[in-house]
Amino acid sequence: MHAKSLRDQGVSNEKIDALAGWRVSHLFSEREKAALAWAESVTHIAHSHTEDNDYLPLKNHFSDKEISDLTFAIALMNGLNRVAVSMRQ
């Protein structure tokens, strides 16, 4: 579902396929890498504690409002995933 949405927005299959290896891929901008690192940090907050090394790079690429919006989007998706998994969906 998400890959289709990305394709519909013009993201290449090559980039979608490289998502799992985003840290070492040349296909992602520094802005995208900062957002992906933050998404992983927030998703794994029990272990990551959203350390500064994941938060501070956001400040180079996003406004405070964008960071807030991104964090809410990550939290919402995590919540929806937990409901789906819990309900065996």
PDB file of N, CA and C in Angstrom:
ATOM      1  N   MET A   1       0.832  -1.186   0.000  1.00  0.00           N
ATOM      2  CA  MET A   1       0.000   0.000   0.000  1.00  0.00           C
ATOM      3  C   MET A   1       0.882   1.258   0.000  1.00  0.00           C
ATOM      4  N   HIS A   2       1.909   1.290   0.857  1.00  0.00           N
ATOM      5  CA  HIS A   2       2.755   2.481   0.937  1.00  0.00           C
ATOM      6  C   HIS A   2       3.644   2.608  -0.294  1.00  0.00           C
ATOM      7  N   ALA A   3       4.142   1.478  -0.792  1.00  0.00           N
ATOM      8  CA  ALA A   3       4.978   1.515  -1.994  1.00  0.00           C
ATOM      9  C   ALA A   3       4.166   2.052  -3.177  1.00  0.00           C
ATOM     10  N   LYS A   4       2.915   1.618  -3.297  1.00  0.00           N
ATOM     11  CA  LYS A   4       2.064   2.108  -4.383  1.00  0.00           C
ATOM     12  C   LYS A   4       1.858   3.611  -4.252  1.00  0.00           C
ATOM     13  N   SER A   5       1.626   4.077  -3.053  1.00  0.00           N
ATOM     14  CA  SER A   5       1.441   5.503  -2.827  1.00  0.00           C
ATOM     15  C   SER A   5       2.699   6.281  -3.215  1.00  0.00           C
ATOM     16  N   LEU A   6       3.864   5.750  -2.854  1.00  0.00           N
ATOM     17  CA  LEU A   6       5.117   6.407  -3.222  1.00  0.00           C
ATOM     18  C   LEU A   6       5.298   6.436  -4.741  1.00  0.00           C
ATOM     19  N   ARG A   7       4.994   5.307  -5.392  1.00  0.00           N
ATOM     20  CA  ARG A   7       5.098   5.261  -6.855  1.00  0.00           C
ATOM     21  C   ARG A   7       4.162   6.286  -7.498  1.00  0.00           C
ATOM     22  N   ASP A   8       2.950   6.387  -6.969  1.00  0.00           N
ATOM     23  CA  ASP A   8       1.974   7.339  -7.487  1.00  0.00           C
ATOM     24  C   ASP A   8       2.465   8.786  -7.339  1.00  0.00           C
ATOM     25  N   GLN A   9       3.345   9.023  -6.355  1.00  0.00           N
ATOM     26  CA  GLN A   9       3.900  10.358  -6.133  1.00  0.00           C
ATOM     27  C   GLN A   9       5.204  10.571  -6.894  1.00  0.00           C
ATOM     28  N   GLY A  10       5.597   9.560  -7.705  1.00  0.00           N
ATOM     29  CA  GLY A  10       6.765   9.719  -8.555  1.00  0.00           C
ATOM     30  C   GLY A  10       8.069   9.187  -7.999  1.00  0.00           C
ATOM     31  N   VAL A  11       8.027   8.493  -6.858  1.00  0.00           N
ATOM     32  CA  VAL A  11       9.254   7.907  -6.303  1.00  0.00           C
ATOM     33  C   VAL A  11       9.593   6.670  -7.130  1.00  0.00           C
ATOM     34  N   SER A  12      10.861   6.545  -7.500  1.00  0.00           N
ATOM     35  CA  SER A  12      11.283   5.439  -8.364  1.00  0.00           C
ATOM     36  C   SER A  12      11.259   4.101  -7.627  1.00  0.00           C
ATOM     37  N   ASN A  13      11.068   3.040  -8.394  1.00  0.00           N
ATOM     38  CA  ASN A  13      11.130   1.688  -7.823  1.00  0.00           C
ATOM     39  C   ASN A  13      12.501   1.431  -7.210  1.00  0.00           C
ATOM     40  N   GLU A  14      13.547   1.948  -7.846  1.00  0.00           N
ATOM     41  CA  GLU A  14      14.912   1.756  -7.341  1.00  0.00           C
ATOM     42  C   GLU A  14      15.041   2.320  -5.922  1.00  0.00           C
ATOM     43  N   LYS A  15      14.490   3.486  -5.704  1.00  0.00           N
ATOM     44  CA  LYS A  15      14.561   4.124  -4.392  1.00  0.00           C
ATOM     45  C   LYS A  15      13.711   3.369  -3.372  1.00  0.00           C
ATOM     46  N   ILE A  16      12.525   2.957  -3.764  1.00  0.00           N
ATOM     47  CA  ILE A  16      11.656   2.188  -2.862  1.00  0.00           C
ATOM     48  C   ILE A  16      12.343   0.882  -2.478  1.00  0.00           C
ATOM     49  N   ASP A  17      12.939   0.211  -3.449  1.00  0.00           N
ATOM     50  CA  ASP A  17      13.627  -1.053  -3.183  1.00  0.00           C
ATOM     51  C   ASP A  17      14.860  -0.861  -2.293  1.00  0.00           C
ATOM     52  N   ALA A  18      15.452   0.319  -2.309  1.00  0.00           N
ATOM     53  CA  ALA A  18      16.662   0.598  -1.524  1.00  0.00           C
ATOM     54  C   ALA A  18      16.346   1.068  -0.106  1.00  0.00           C
ATOM     55  N   LEU A  19      15.078   1.207   0.210  1.00  0.00           N
ATOM     56  CA  LEU A  19      14.696   1.776   1.504  1.00  0.00           C
ATOM     57  C   LEU A  19      15.288   1.031   2.697  1.00  0.00           C
ATOM     58  N   ALA A  20      15.322  -0.282   2.656  1.00  0.00           N
ATOM     59  CA  ALA A  20      15.868  -1.051   3.787  1.00  0.00           C
ATOM     60  C   ALA A  20      17.337  -0.724   4.030  1.00  0.00           C
ATOM     61  N   GLY A  21      18.045  -0.330   2.993  1.00  0.00           N
ATOM     62  CA  GLY A  21      19.457   0.009   3.116  1.00  0.00           C
ATOM     63  C   GLY A  21      19.716   1.498   2.995  1.00  0.00           C
ATOM     64  N   TRP A  22      18.786   2.312   3.451  1.00  0.00           N
ATOM     65  CA  TRP A  22      18.866   3.758   3.270  1.00  0.00           C
ATOM     66  C   TRP A  22      20.133   4.362   3.854  1.00  0.00           C
ATOM     67  N   ARG A  23      20.660   3.797   4.917  1.00  0.00           N
ATOM     68  CA  ARG A  23      21.849   4.382   5.567  1.00  0.00           C
ATOM     69  C   ARG A  23      23.069   4.376   4.645  1.00  0.00           C
ATOM     70  N   VAL A  24      23.172   3.397   3.771  1.00  0.00           N
ATOM     71  CA  VAL A  24      24.344   3.288   2.897  1.00  0.00           C
ATOM     72  C   VAL A  24      24.019   3.599   1.437  1.00  0.00           C
ATOM     73  N   SER A  25      22.783   3.891   1.153  1.00  0.00           N
ATOM     74  CA  SER A  25      22.361   4.153  -0.224  1.00  0.00           C
ATOM     75  C   SER A  25      22.684   5.588  -0.632  1.00  0.00           C
ATOM     76  N   HIS A  26      23.107   5.757  -1.867  1.00  0.00           N
ATOM     77  CA  HIS A  26      23.349   7.079  -2.432  1.00  0.00           C
ATOM     78  C   HIS A  26      22.055   7.720  -2.969  1.00  0.00           C
ATOM     79  N   LEU A  27      20.948   6.990  -2.886  1.00  0.00           N
ATOM     80  CA  LEU A  27      19.690   7.460  -3.463  1.00  0.00           C
ATOM     81  C   LEU A  27      18.932   8.434  -2.564  1.00  0.00           C
ATOM     82  N   PHE A  28      19.343   8.531  -1.306  1.00  0.00           N
ATOM     83  CA  PHE A  28      18.607   9.355  -0.350  1.00  0.00           C
ATOM     84  C   PHE A  28      19.401  10.604   0.002  1.00  0.00           C
ATOM     85  N   SER A  29      18.720  11.729   0.036  1.00  0.00           N
ATOM     86  CA  SER A  29      19.359  13.003   0.396  1.00  0.00           C
ATOM     87  C   SER A  29      19.632  13.021   1.903  1.00  0.00           C
ATOM     88  N   GLU A  30      20.437  13.977   2.322  1.00  0.00           N
ATOM     89  CA  GLU A  30      20.707  14.124   3.760  1.00  0.00           C
ATOM     90  C   GLU A  30      19.420  14.440   4.520  1.00  0.00           C
ATOM     91  N   ARG A  31      18.537  15.186   3.915  1.00  0.00           N
ATOM     92  CA  ARG A  31      17.236  15.505   4.534  1.00  0.00           C
ATOM     93  C   ARG A  31      16.425  14.220   4.734  1.00  0.00           C
ATOM     94  N   GLU A  32      16.369  13.391   3.684  1.00  0.00           N
ATOM     95  CA  GLU A  32      15.630  12.134   3.788  1.00  0.00           C
ATOM     96  C   GLU A  32      16.263  11.211   4.826  1.00  0.00           C
ATOM     97  N   LYS A  33      17.574  11.160   4.849  1.00  0.00           N
ATOM     98  CA  LYS A  33      18.268  10.311   5.828  1.00  0.00           C
ATOM     99  C   LYS A  33      18.001  10.783   7.254  1.00  0.00           C
ATOM    100  N   ALA A  34      17.943  12.092   7.458  1.00  0.00           N
ATOM    101  CA  ALA A  34      17.630  12.617   8.789  1.00  0.00           C
ATOM    102  C   ALA A  34      16.217  12.195   9.208  1.00  0.00           C
ATOM    103  N   ALA A  35      15.272  12.288   8.282  1.00  0.00           N
ATOM    104  CA  ALA A  35      13.885  11.893   8.579  1.00  0.00           C
ATOM    105  C   ALA A  35      13.783  10.397   8.834  1.00  0.00           C
ATOM    106  N   LEU A  36      14.483   9.595   8.054  1.00  0.00           N
ATOM    107  CA  LEU A  36      14.436   8.139   8.243  1.00  0.00           C
ATOM    108  C   LEU A  36      15.096   7.727   9.556  1.00  0.00           C
ATOM    109  N   ALA A  37      16.195   8.372   9.912  1.00  0.00           N
ATOM    110  CA  ALA A  37      16.845   8.079  11.190  1.00  0.00           C
ATOM    111  C   ALA A  37      15.908   8.428  12.344  1.00  0.00           C
ATOM    112  N   TRP A  38      15.219   9.563  12.224  1.00  0.00           N
ATOM    113  CA  TRP A  38      14.269   9.966  13.258  1.00  0.00           C
ATOM    114  C   TRP A  38      13.099   8.985  13.342  1.00  0.00           C
ATOM    115  N   ALA A  39      12.610   8.533  12.194  1.00  0.00           N
ATOM    116  CA  ALA A  39      11.515   7.556  12.180  1.00  0.00           C
ATOM    117  C   ALA A  39      11.928   6.277  12.904  1.00  0.00           C
ATOM    118  N   GLU A  40      13.134   5.816  12.645  1.00  0.00           N
ATOM    119  CA  GLU A  40      13.611   4.607  13.331  1.00  0.00           C
ATOM    120  C   GLU A  40      13.787   4.863  14.820  1.00  0.00           C
ATOM    121  N   SER A  41      14.318   6.025  15.180  1.00  0.00           N
ATOM    122  CA  SER A  41      14.542   6.349  16.584  1.00  0.00           C
ATOM    123  C   SER A  41      13.225   6.422  17.359  1.00  0.00           C
ATOM    124  N   VAL A  42      12.233   7.084  16.775  1.00  0.00           N
ATOM    125  CA  VAL A  42      10.926   7.191  17.438  1.00  0.00           C
ATOM    126  C   VAL A  42      10.255   5.819  17.494  1.00  0.00           C
ATOM    127  N   THR A  43      10.351   5.055  16.437  1.00  0.00           N
ATOM    128  CA  THR A  43       9.749   3.717  16.403  1.00  0.00           C
ATOM    129  C   THR A  43      10.338   2.811  17.472  1.00  0.00           C
ATOM    130  N   HIS A  44      11.629   2.914  17.700  1.00  0.00           N
ATOM    131  CA  HIS A  44      12.328   2.060  18.671  1.00  0.00           C
ATOM    132  C   HIS A  44      12.704   2.855  19.916  1.00  0.00           C
ATOM    133  N   ILE A  45      11.809   3.716  20.372  1.00  0.00           N
ATOM    134  CA  ILE A  45      12.089   4.655  21.452  1.00  0.00           C
ATOM    135  C   ILE A  45      12.513   3.969  22.758  1.00  0.00           C
ATOM    136  N   ALA A  46      12.025   2.770  23.015  1.00  0.00           N
ATOM    137  CA  ALA A  46      12.397   2.069  24.247  1.00  0.00           C
ATOM    138  C   ALA A  46      13.900   1.785  24.289  1.00  0.00           C
ATOM    139  N   HIS A  47      14.502   1.626  23.130  1.00  0.00           N
ATOM    140  CA  HIS A  47      15.935   1.353  23.065  1.00  0.00           C
ATOM    141  C   HIS A  47      16.737   2.594  22.669  1.00  0.00           C
ATOM    142  N   SER A  48      16.172   3.420  21.802  1.00  0.00           N
ATOM    143  CA  SER A  48      16.914   4.571  21.265  1.00  0.00           C
ATOM    144  C   SER A  48      16.875   5.782  22.182  1.00  0.00           C
ATOM    145  N   HIS A  49      15.772   5.917  22.932  1.00  0.00           N
ATOM    146  CA  HIS A  49      15.544   7.088  23.788  1.00  0.00           C
ATOM    147  C   HIS A  49      15.625   8.391  22.985  1.00  0.00           C
ATOM    148  N   THR A  50      15.406   8.289  21.685  1.00  0.00           N
ATOM    149  CA  THR A  50      15.476   9.422  20.757  1.00  0.00           C
ATOM    150  C   THR A  50      16.655  10.341  21.098  1.00  0.00           C
ATOM    151  N   GLU A  51      17.829   9.772  20.992  1.00  0.00           N
ATOM    152  CA  GLU A  51      19.069  10.475  21.328  1.00  0.00           C
ATOM    153  C   GLU A  51      19.285  11.700  20.436  1.00  0.00           C
ATOM    154  N   ASP A  52      20.105  12.608  20.930  1.00  0.00           N
ATOM    155  CA  ASP A  52      20.416  13.821  20.186  1.00  0.00           C
ATOM    156  C   ASP A  52      21.027  13.544  18.814  1.00  0.00           C
ATOM    157  N   ASN A  53      21.795  12.448  18.690  1.00  0.00           N
ATOM    158  CA  ASN A  53      22.422  12.165  17.390  1.00  0.00           C
ATOM    159  C   ASN A  53      21.377  11.823  16.330  1.00  0.00           C
ATOM    160  N   ASP A  54      20.159  11.511  16.720  1.00  0.00           N
ATOM    161  CA  ASP A  54      19.068  11.321  15.764  1.00  0.00           C
ATOM    162  C   ASP A  54      18.214  12.584  15.635  1.00  0.00           C
ATOM    163  N   TYR A  55      18.113  13.348  16.722  1.00  0.00           N
ATOM    164  CA  TYR A  55      17.272  14.552  16.705  1.00  0.00           C
ATOM    165  C   TYR A  55      17.966  15.760  16.077  1.00  0.00           C
ATOM    166  N   LEU A  56      19.182  16.018  16.469  1.00  0.00           N
ATOM    167  CA  LEU A  56      19.851  17.248  16.041  1.00  0.00           C
ATOM    168  C   LEU A  56      20.005  17.396  14.519  1.00  0.00           C
ATOM    169  N   PRO A  57      20.274  16.312  13.761  1.00  0.00           N
ATOM    170  CA  PRO A  57      20.344  16.482  12.304  1.00  0.00           C
ATOM    171  C   PRO A  57      19.040  16.994  11.677  1.00  0.00           C
ATOM    172  N   LEU A  58      17.924  16.756  12.344  1.00  0.00           N
ATOM    173  CA  LEU A  58      16.648  17.265  11.828  1.00  0.00           C
ATOM    174  C   LEU A  58      16.665  18.782  11.749  1.00  0.00           C
ATOM    175  N   LYS A  59      17.318  19.418  12.721  1.00  0.00           N
ATOM    176  CA  LYS A  59      17.339  20.875  12.796  1.00  0.00           C
ATOM    177  C   LYS A  59      18.033  21.507  11.591  1.00  0.00           C
ATOM    178  N   ASN A  60      18.887  20.733  10.907  1.00  0.00           N
ATOM    179  CA  ASN A  60      19.575  21.240   9.718  1.00  0.00           C
ATOM    180  C   ASN A  60      18.698  21.216   8.470  1.00  0.00           C
ATOM    181  N   HIS A  61      17.590  20.483   8.536  1.00  0.00           N
ATOM    182  CA  HIS A  61      16.793  20.251   7.322  1.00  0.00           C
ATOM    183  C   HIS A  61      15.313  20.590   7.472  1.00  0.00           C
ATOM    184  N   PHE A  62      14.842  20.715   8.696  1.00  0.00           N
ATOM    185  CA  PHE A  62      13.415  20.898   8.927  1.00  0.00           C
ATOM    186  C   PHE A  62      13.170  22.033   9.925  1.00  0.00           C
ATOM    187  N   SER A  63      12.050  22.716   9.761  1.00  0.00           N
ATOM    188  CA  SER A  63      11.621  23.713  10.748  1.00  0.00           C
ATOM    189  C   SER A  63      11.079  22.985  11.977  1.00  0.00           C
ATOM    190  N   ASP A  64      10.880  23.715  13.057  1.00  0.00           N
ATOM    191  CA  ASP A  64      10.304  23.107  14.261  1.00  0.00           C
ATOM    192  C   ASP A  64       8.925  22.521  13.964  1.00  0.00           C
ATOM    193  N   LYS A  65       8.137  23.229  13.171  1.00  0.00           N
ATOM    194  CA  LYS A  65       6.806  22.713  12.819  1.00  0.00           C
ATOM    195  C   LYS A  65       6.918  21.426  12.009  1.00  0.00           C
ATOM    196  N   GLU A  66       7.856  21.387  11.064  1.00  0.00           N
ATOM    197  CA  GLU A  66       8.033  20.178  10.253  1.00  0.00           C
ATOM    198  C   GLU A  66       8.499  19.000  11.118  1.00  0.00           C
ATOM    199  N   ILE A  67       9.362  19.268  12.078  1.00  0.00           N
ATOM    200  CA  ILE A  67       9.812  18.202  12.988  1.00  0.00           C
ATOM    201  C   ILE A  67       8.631  17.689  13.804  1.00  0.00           C
ATOM    202  N   SER A  68       7.803  18.604  14.275  1.00  0.00           N
ATOM    203  CA  SER A  68       6.607  18.219  15.024  1.00  0.00           C
ATOM    204  C   SER A  68       5.666  17.393  14.153  1.00  0.00           C
ATOM    205  N   ASP A  69       5.413  17.858  12.939  1.00  0.00           N
ATOM    206  CA  ASP A  69       4.532  17.129  12.018  1.00  0.00           C
ATOM    207  C   ASP A  69       5.089  15.744  11.704  1.00  0.00           C
ATOM    208  N   LEU A  70       6.391  15.679  11.454  1.00  0.00           N
ATOM    209  CA  LEU A  70       7.032  14.396  11.160  1.00  0.00           C
ATOM    210  C   LEU A  70       6.901  13.446  12.347  1.00  0.00           C
ATOM    211  N   THR A  71       7.138  13.956  13.548  1.00  0.00           N
ATOM    212  CA  THR A  71       7.057  13.120  14.751  1.00  0.00           C
ATOM    213  C   THR A  71       5.636  12.610  14.963  1.00  0.00           C
ATOM    214  N   PHE A  72       4.652  13.472  14.758  1.00  0.00           N
ATOM    215  CA  PHE A  72       3.260  13.030  14.884  1.00  0.00           C
ATOM    216  C   PHE A  72       2.914  11.981  13.829  1.00  0.00           C
ATOM    217  N   ALA A  73       3.389  12.162  12.607  1.00  0.00           N
ATOM    218  CA  ALA A  73       3.121  11.179  11.546  1.00  0.00           C
ATOM    219  C   ALA A  73       3.748   9.828  11.892  1.00  0.00           C
ATOM    220  N   ILE A  74       4.964   9.854  12.399  1.00  0.00           N
ATOM    221  CA  ILE A  74       5.637   8.607  12.799  1.00  0.00           C
ATOM    222  C   ILE A  74       4.866   7.935  13.923  1.00  0.00           C
ATOM    223  N   ALA A  75       4.485   8.711  14.927  1.00  0.00           N
ATOM    224  CA  ALA A  75       3.749   8.157  16.074  1.00  0.00           C
ATOM    225  C   ALA A  75       2.398   7.592  15.630  1.00  0.00           C
ATOM    226  N   LEU A  76       1.711   8.287  14.746  1.00  0.00           N
ATOM    227  CA  LEU A  76       0.415   7.821  14.253  1.00  0.00           C
ATOM    228  C   LEU A  76       0.567   6.510  13.498  1.00  0.00           C
ATOM    229  N   MET A  77       1.551   6.418  12.620  1.00  0.00           N
ATOM    230  CA  MET A  77       1.764   5.185  11.857  1.00  0.00           C
ATOM    231  C   MET A  77       2.140   4.036  12.795  1.00  0.00           C
ATOM    232  N   ASN A  78       2.964   4.324  13.784  1.00  0.00           N
ATOM    233  CA  ASN A  78       3.313   3.283  14.753  1.00  0.00           C
ATOM    234  C   ASN A  78       2.076   2.807  15.515  1.00  0.00           C
ATOM    235  N   GLY A  79       1.228   3.753  15.902  1.00  0.00           N
ATOM    236  CA  GLY A  79       0.001   3.384  16.611  1.00  0.00           C
ATOM    237  C   GLY A  79      -0.913   2.530  15.739  1.00  0.00           C
ATOM    238  N   LEU A  80      -1.084   2.928  14.485  1.00  0.00           N
ATOM    239  CA  LEU A  80      -1.932   2.152  13.571  1.00  0.00           C
ATOM    240  C   LEU A  80      -1.353   0.760  13.324  1.00  0.00           C
ATOM    241  N   ASN A  81      -0.040   0.663  13.201  1.00  0.00           N
ATOM    242  CA  ASN A  81       0.591  -0.649  13.020  1.00  0.00           C
ATOM    243  C   ASN A  81       0.375  -1.535  14.233  1.00  0.00           C
ATOM    244  N   ARG A  82       0.441  -0.971  15.422  1.00  0.00           N
ATOM    245  CA  ARG A  82       0.248  -1.767  16.627  1.00  0.00           C
ATOM    246  C   ARG A  82      -1.201  -2.264  16.737  1.00  0.00           C
ATOM    247  N   VAL A  83      -2.146  -1.417  16.366  1.00  0.00           N
ATOM    248  CA  VAL A  83      -3.542  -1.852  16.352  1.00  0.00           C
ATOM    249  C   VAL A  83      -3.726  -2.981  15.335  1.00  0.00           C
ATOM    250  N   ALA A  84      -3.188  -2.822  14.137  1.00  0.00           N
ATOM    251  CA  ALA A  84      -3.346  -3.838  13.101  1.00  0.00           C
ATOM    252  C   ALA A  84      -2.729  -5.168  13.537  1.00  0.00           C
ATOM    253  N   VAL A  85      -1.538  -5.127  14.084  1.00  0.00           N
ATOM    254  CA  VAL A  85      -0.884  -6.356  14.535  1.00  0.00           C
ATOM    255  C   VAL A  85      -1.678  -6.993  15.671  1.00  0.00           C
ATOM    256  N   SER A  86      -2.123  -6.176  16.628  1.00  0.00           N
ATOM    257  CA  SER A  86      -2.896  -6.695  17.762  1.00  0.00           C
ATOM    258  C   SER A  86      -4.195  -7.348  17.337  1.00  0.00           C
ATOM    259  N   MET A  87      -4.814  -6.802  16.280  1.00  0.00           N
ATOM    260  CA  MET A  87      -6.084  -7.322  15.795  1.00  0.00           C
ATOM    261  C   MET A  87      -5.893  -8.381  14.732  1.00  0.00           C
ATOM    262  N   ARG A  88      -4.632  -8.843  14.561  1.00  0.00           N
ATOM    263  CA  ARG A  88      -4.274  -9.919  13.615  1.00  0.00           C
ATOM    264  C   ARG A  88      -4.578  -9.534  12.174  1.00  0.00           C
ATOM    265  N   GLN A  89      -4.349  -8.278  11.845  1.00  0.00           N
ATOM    266  CA  GLN A  89      -4.611  -7.773  10.488  1.00  0.00           C
ATOM    267  C   GLN A  89      -3.341  -7.733   9.683  1.00  0.00           C
TER     268      GLN A  89
END
